[in-house]
């Protein structure tokens, strides 16, 4: 019993140290909050956004109202229509779009107990309409976030050994979620994502290989 308590204490201390190390580094805080922004519960997403805004990143604070509207299940549809990407400066685009894309990416996911199929399809069409306005380099950000749950980068996909290693640690549910996502992306965005088809195909082929 005493040994078990020591192990528990050591594990708790290690976790606490990790958390404190993150808090000491503003950049680590931003990275962690950015990843948490991918949570598809809008109430959690809202809390994360508020913490991000406390970091006083000028471009984020300038578009605070828009970010909060994109996060809202009720307001994001109107914001998609109102928000004009073309009015962004180059700096604003590079800073703000990754956050907007990350938020909207969560709107493509099914929310347990909240959405029937019809409302989910409507939500997805609205998001794809916005994504279709993106420049190619901005679409890269979207696709990179699509493969992010596999802990994959574009460079990882080029290396078959790394690709198989990372995909082998993923669940069958993650495989199915990815396949469903790709089906929607290709169906709704068509030729806009044709440059990314080799990436999709390589991941899908590897998934099928690992699923045998």
Protein backbone atom coordinates (compact mmCIF):
# COMPACT_ATOMS: atom_id res chain seq x y z
CA UNK A 1 0.00 0.00 0.00
CA UNK A 2 2.86 2.32 0.88
CA UNK A 3 4.62 1.55 -2.42
CA UNK A 4 1.41 2.22 -4.33
CA UNK A 5 1.12 5.64 -2.65
CA UNK A 6 4.72 6.46 -3.59
CA UNK A 7 4.11 5.54 -7.23
CA UNK A 8 0.92 7.62 -7.28
CA UNK A 9 2.77 10.57 -5.73
CA UNK A 10 5.62 10.33 -8.25
CA UNK A 11 3.18 10.16 -11.19
CA UNK A 12 1.23 13.15 -9.86
CA UNK A 13 4.42 15.12 -9.33
CA UNK A 14 5.64 14.35 -12.84
CA UNK A 15 2.33 15.53 -14.32
CA UNK A 16 2.38 18.66 -12.19
CA UNK A 17 5.91 19.48 -13.33
CA UNK A 18 4.83 19.05 -16.95
CA UNK A 19 1.91 21.43 -16.44
CA UNK A 20 4.12 24.00 -14.73
CA UNK A 21 6.68 23.82 -17.53
CA UNK A 22 3.91 24.64 -20.00
CA UNK A 23 2.77 27.58 -17.89
CA UNK A 24 6.33 28.97 -17.80
CA UNK A 25 6.49 29.19 -21.57
CA UNK A 26 3.94 31.50 -23.28
CA UNK A 27 4.55 29.77 -26.62
CA UNK A 28 3.77 26.38 -25.08
CA UNK A 29 0.59 27.79 -23.61
CA UNK A 30 -0.45 29.05 -27.05
CA UNK A 31 0.33 25.70 -28.71
CA UNK A 32 -1.60 23.76 -26.07
CA UNK A 33 -4.62 26.06 -26.26
CA UNK A 34 -4.54 25.93 -30.06
CA UNK A 35 -4.77 22.14 -29.97
CA UNK A 36 -7.58 22.30 -27.39
CA UNK A 37 -9.47 24.54 -29.79
CA UNK A 38 -10.12 21.39 -31.83
CA UNK A 39 -12.55 20.15 -29.16
CA UNK A 40 -15.97 19.88 -30.78
CA UNK A 41 -17.85 20.95 -27.64
CA UNK A 42 -18.53 24.65 -28.27
CA UNK A 43 -18.68 25.43 -24.52
CA UNK A 44 -15.12 24.11 -24.05
CA UNK A 45 -14.03 25.80 -27.25
CA UNK A 46 -15.37 29.09 -25.89
CA UNK A 47 -13.34 28.72 -22.68
CA UNK A 48 -10.21 27.96 -24.70
CA UNK A 49 -10.80 30.99 -26.92
CA UNK A 50 -11.12 33.26 -23.90
CA UNK A 51 -7.79 31.99 -22.61
CA UNK A 52 -6.16 32.54 -26.00
CA UNK A 53 -7.45 36.10 -26.08
CA UNK A 54 -5.79 36.73 -22.71
CA UNK A 55 -2.43 36.18 -24.42
CA UNK A 56 -3.00 39.55 -26.12
CA UNK A 57 -2.09 38.47 -29.63
CA UNK A 58 -3.04 41.64 -31.61
CA UNK A 59 -4.55 39.86 -34.62
CA UNK A 60 -6.65 37.57 -32.42
CA UNK A 61 -7.94 40.36 -30.23
CA UNK A 62 -8.82 42.46 -33.27
CA UNK A 63 -11.10 39.66 -34.50
CA UNK A 64 -12.39 38.60 -31.08
CA UNK A 65 -16.05 39.03 -32.01
CA UNK A 66 -15.66 37.02 -35.21
CA UNK A 67 -13.81 34.20 -33.46
CA UNK A 68 -16.49 33.94 -30.77
CA UNK A 69 -19.19 33.93 -33.46
CA UNK A 70 -17.41 31.20 -35.45
CA UNK A 71 -17.27 29.12 -32.28
CA UNK A 72 -20.97 29.56 -31.49
CA UNK A 73 -23.28 26.84 -32.80
CA UNK A 74 -25.97 29.48 -33.27
CA UNK A 75 -23.96 32.37 -34.74
CA UNK A 76 -21.33 30.71 -36.92
CA UNK A 77 -23.63 30.47 -39.98
CA UNK A 78 -24.09 34.24 -40.11
CA UNK A 79 -20.39 34.83 -39.47
CA UNK A 80 -19.40 32.57 -42.37
CA UNK A 81 -21.48 34.80 -44.65
CA UNK A 82 -20.25 38.10 -43.18
CA UNK A 83 -16.55 37.34 -42.81
CA UNK A 84 -14.50 38.56 -45.77
CA UNK A 85 -11.13 36.83 -46.16
CA UNK A 86 -10.16 39.29 -48.90
CA UNK A 87 -10.13 42.19 -46.41
CA UNK A 88 -7.41 40.59 -44.27
CA UNK A 89 -3.84 41.83 -44.44
CA UNK A 90 -1.15 39.24 -45.10
CA UNK A 91 -0.17 39.19 -41.42
CA UNK A 92 -3.78 38.93 -40.25
CA UNK A 93 -4.44 36.10 -42.68
CA UNK A 94 -1.46 34.08 -41.47
CA UNK A 95 -2.40 34.53 -37.82
CA UNK A 96 -6.19 34.42 -37.81
CA UNK A 97 -7.06 31.87 -40.50
CA UNK A 98 -5.47 28.84 -38.78
CA UNK A 99 -7.72 29.50 -35.77
CA UNK A 100 -10.85 30.03 -37.87
CA UNK A 101 -10.15 26.88 -39.90
CA UNK A 102 -9.55 24.89 -36.71
CA UNK A 103 -12.83 26.10 -35.21
CA UNK A 104 -14.82 25.42 -38.37
CA UNK A 105 -13.23 22.00 -38.73
CA UNK A 106 -15.01 21.00 -35.52
CA UNK A 107 -18.35 21.98 -37.09
CA UNK A 108 -17.85 19.15 -39.58
CA UNK A 109 -17.95 16.62 -36.73
CA UNK A 110 -21.06 14.95 -35.38
CA UNK A 111 -21.98 16.26 -31.94
CA UNK A 112 -23.40 13.50 -29.76
CA UNK A 113 -26.97 14.18 -28.70
CA UNK A 114 -27.13 17.57 -30.39
CA UNK A 115 -27.50 17.10 -34.13
CA UNK A 116 -29.67 15.03 -36.38
CA UNK A 117 -28.37 14.07 -39.81
CA UNK A 118 -30.15 16.91 -41.61
CA UNK A 119 -28.74 19.66 -39.38
CA UNK A 120 -25.28 18.07 -39.57
CA UNK A 121 -25.36 18.10 -43.38
CA UNK A 122 -26.53 21.73 -43.39
CA UNK A 123 -23.71 22.70 -41.04
CA UNK A 124 -21.15 20.90 -43.17
CA UNK A 125 -22.31 22.59 -46.38
CA UNK A 126 -21.93 26.01 -44.73
CA UNK A 127 -18.39 25.18 -43.59
CA UNK A 128 -17.37 23.78 -46.97
CA UNK A 129 -18.70 26.94 -48.62
CA UNK A 130 -16.28 28.98 -46.50
CA UNK A 131 -13.38 26.60 -47.07
CA UNK A 132 -13.95 26.79 -50.82
CA UNK A 133 -12.97 30.47 -50.68
CA UNK A 134 -9.51 29.69 -49.30
CA UNK A 135 -6.32 30.07 -51.28
CA UNK A 136 -4.32 26.90 -51.93
CA UNK A 137 -1.82 27.60 -49.13
CA UNK A 138 -4.70 28.12 -46.70
CA UNK A 139 -6.29 24.87 -47.82
CA UNK A 140 -3.02 23.21 -46.81
CA UNK A 141 -3.70 24.35 -43.25
CA UNK A 142 -7.12 22.72 -43.38
CA UNK A 143 -5.79 19.42 -44.75
CA UNK A 144 -2.97 19.41 -42.18
CA UNK A 145 -5.62 19.69 -39.46
CA UNK A 146 -7.61 16.83 -41.03
CA UNK A 147 -4.62 14.46 -40.65
CA UNK A 148 -3.58 15.92 -37.28
CA UNK A 149 -5.60 13.39 -35.19
CA UNK A 150 -3.24 10.72 -36.57
CA UNK A 151 -0.30 12.83 -35.36
CA UNK A 152 0.73 13.08 -39.01
CA UNK A 153 2.42 15.86 -40.96
CA UNK A 154 2.75 16.10 -44.74
CA UNK A 155 6.38 15.00 -44.36
CA UNK A 156 5.28 11.90 -42.40
CA UNK A 157 2.97 10.86 -45.23
CA UNK A 158 5.94 10.87 -47.62
CA UNK A 159 7.73 8.30 -45.45
CA UNK A 160 5.89 4.97 -45.58
CA UNK A 161 7.65 3.59 -42.51
CA UNK A 162 6.69 6.58 -40.35
CA UNK A 163 3.17 6.60 -41.82
CA UNK A 164 2.58 2.96 -40.93
CA UNK A 165 4.09 3.37 -37.47
CA UNK A 166 1.84 6.29 -36.58
CA UNK A 167 -1.32 4.85 -38.11
CA UNK A 168 -0.77 1.51 -36.37
CA UNK A 169 -1.34 3.24 -33.01
CA UNK A 170 -4.72 4.66 -34.06
CA UNK A 171 -8.10 3.12 -33.36
CA UNK A 172 -10.53 1.68 -35.89
CA UNK A 173 -12.95 4.48 -34.92
CA UNK A 174 -10.30 7.04 -35.97
CA UNK A 175 -9.92 5.24 -39.29
CA UNK A 176 -13.68 5.41 -39.90
CA UNK A 177 -13.80 9.08 -38.90
CA UNK A 178 -11.03 9.92 -41.34
CA UNK A 179 -12.67 8.00 -44.19
CA UNK A 180 -15.95 9.81 -43.54
CA UNK A 181 -14.14 13.18 -43.49
CA UNK A 182 -12.34 12.51 -46.76
CA UNK A 183 -15.59 11.44 -48.42
CA UNK A 184 -17.22 14.74 -47.46
CA UNK A 185 -14.21 16.87 -48.43
CA UNK A 186 -13.86 15.32 -51.90
CA UNK A 187 -17.62 15.38 -52.51
CA UNK A 188 -18.10 19.01 -51.48
CA UNK A 189 -14.83 20.58 -52.64
CA UNK A 190 -13.98 18.50 -55.71
CA UNK A 191 -11.20 19.91 -57.87
CA UNK A 192 -10.19 22.40 -55.16
CA UNK A 193 -8.52 19.56 -53.26
CA UNK A 194 -7.17 17.59 -56.21
CA UNK A 195 -3.57 18.38 -55.24
CA UNK A 196 -4.16 16.64 -51.91
CA UNK A 197 -5.64 13.44 -53.37
CA UNK A 198 -2.25 11.62 -53.37
CA UNK A 199 -2.00 12.31 -49.62
CA UNK A 200 -5.53 11.01 -48.99
CA UNK A 201 -4.93 7.93 -51.14
CA UNK A 202 -1.64 7.03 -49.45
CA UNK A 203 -3.20 7.28 -45.99
CA UNK A 204 -6.29 5.29 -47.06
CA UNK A 205 -4.20 2.54 -48.68
CA UNK A 206 -2.10 2.27 -45.50
CA UNK A 207 -5.23 2.13 -43.34
CA UNK A 208 -6.62 -0.72 -45.45
CA UNK A 209 -3.28 -2.50 -45.26
CA UNK A 210 -3.20 -2.24 -41.44
CA UNK A 211 -6.85 -3.27 -41.14
CA UNK A 212 -6.34 -6.68 -42.78
